[in-house]
């Protein structure tokens, strides 16, 4: 029976299968790699992950619209980091990655941003600017 199924899939019987079986027995379906059930599950998770990135982006844009010019530039830089992280996450082809790392949405998006070296540079520069501004105001 398994041989018959593999033959049927190999002849195009499984419309969603692309690329054949991986060495571990999983299949590449569309652009995602995993069993059919894993891919279905991961695709559902991926939609929620994308919505979470959208939510964070909207919050940052809303904040940027209320900020001074320098703070707005920093926030726009954070949005660029966010979009880089979104692209990085969404191009991952392993269904297991989404199931393991993104099934439960916590603060993964925020964590990805704050761990980025560009974000850390922004925060250091903000702290230096704040200290400089404070020193100017206090005469120190």
Foldseek 3Di string as FASTA:
>chain_A
DVVVVLVCVVVCVPVQFDDDADPVRWTQGPLATGHPVLVVLLVVLLVVVVVVLVVVLVVLVVVLVVDDPVVNVLSVVLNVQSVVVNVVVVNDRYSVCCVPPRPDDDCVSVVSSCVDPVNVVSVVVVVVVVVVVVCVVVVD
